[in-house]
Amino acid sequence: MKDMNSLIKRINELYHKSKTEQGLTEEEKKEQQFLRRRYLDSIRCNIRGQLDSIDVVNRDGSVTNLGEEREKLKAQKKTCRQELMKRRDMTLQKERDEWNKMLRARITSTKEYADAKVIFTYVSFGSEADTGWVIRHALENGKQVFVPTVIDKRVMKFYRIGSLSELFRNKMGILEPSPSEENLFLPERYIAGNHVLFDHALLLIPGVGFDREGSRLGYGRGYYDRYLKNLRSEIKKNSGNMNMMGVCYQNQLSIHIPVNELDEPVDLICTENELIRISK
């Protein structure tokens, strides 16, 4: 409690200073963001602990403990993730090369891609479906391209690039853009001021697996789920639109992906064999 009180006190001090003429230094701004995230994480943890202790009485008289249900879903996701990643990783590179060529043709032939003036896309890593070609194709055809970088353990941001040569490898070996305020995607900067641009935008989303209902299984960190939730909220608020397409190989499709209310679905799924449009 003492630590929490100190945390809140410091957050308030920084807030009041930010409203003065002097404002915050760059270091204090970083501290403010860090402390706010720490505070929110603490609140989430507290709420989760309370929810996990709740027992729900079902219609048939049986009792479900929310904590046990959450752990059960977590275990189901882990098993599904391991199986799908193993399936993808065991595919021969020669096969993936052929599938990538088929994916390239299928994605670029969709109306969503053809109409898009802006492309948001992950930068493929390891055995993921390749996106290097779509980045080059989009840039060559005059489309704006934004790719992601992870700022800290919970935050992912997209930055505009003009070439693949602008990307560098992070500690994990994943290609990322160099963070730049000028190239940072901000909803208030792009969506609110340019509806036409974002009525023709496409977001290519990676995943360990998908099902035909649009459910997505990621890598377990929640980066895309949090980002998609916030982005959808901003787009809706500004009466905009964006197509969100899951990209994967056919062998990553599952009959059923275990999900909960925090997992964000996609609008379309594209594999080397088919384009699946999700009924809304």
Foldseek 3Di string as FASTA:
>chain_A
DVVLVVLVVLLVVLVVQCPDPVHDDPVSVVVNVVSVVVNVVVVVVVVVVVQQQDWDQDPVRDIDRPVVVVVVLVVQLVVLLVVLLVVQLPDDPVVLVVFLVLLVVVVCPDPLNVQAQEEEEECDDRSWRHCLVVVVVNLVVNHWYWYWDAPDLAEIWIFTDNHQVQWDQDPVGGTDHDDDPVGTDDLVVPCLVCQSNQLRYEYEDEASAAELQQFGRHPPSLHVLVVVVVVVVSCVVNVHDYAYEYEGAPSRYDNDRRDDPSTDGGQWYTTSVDIRGHDD
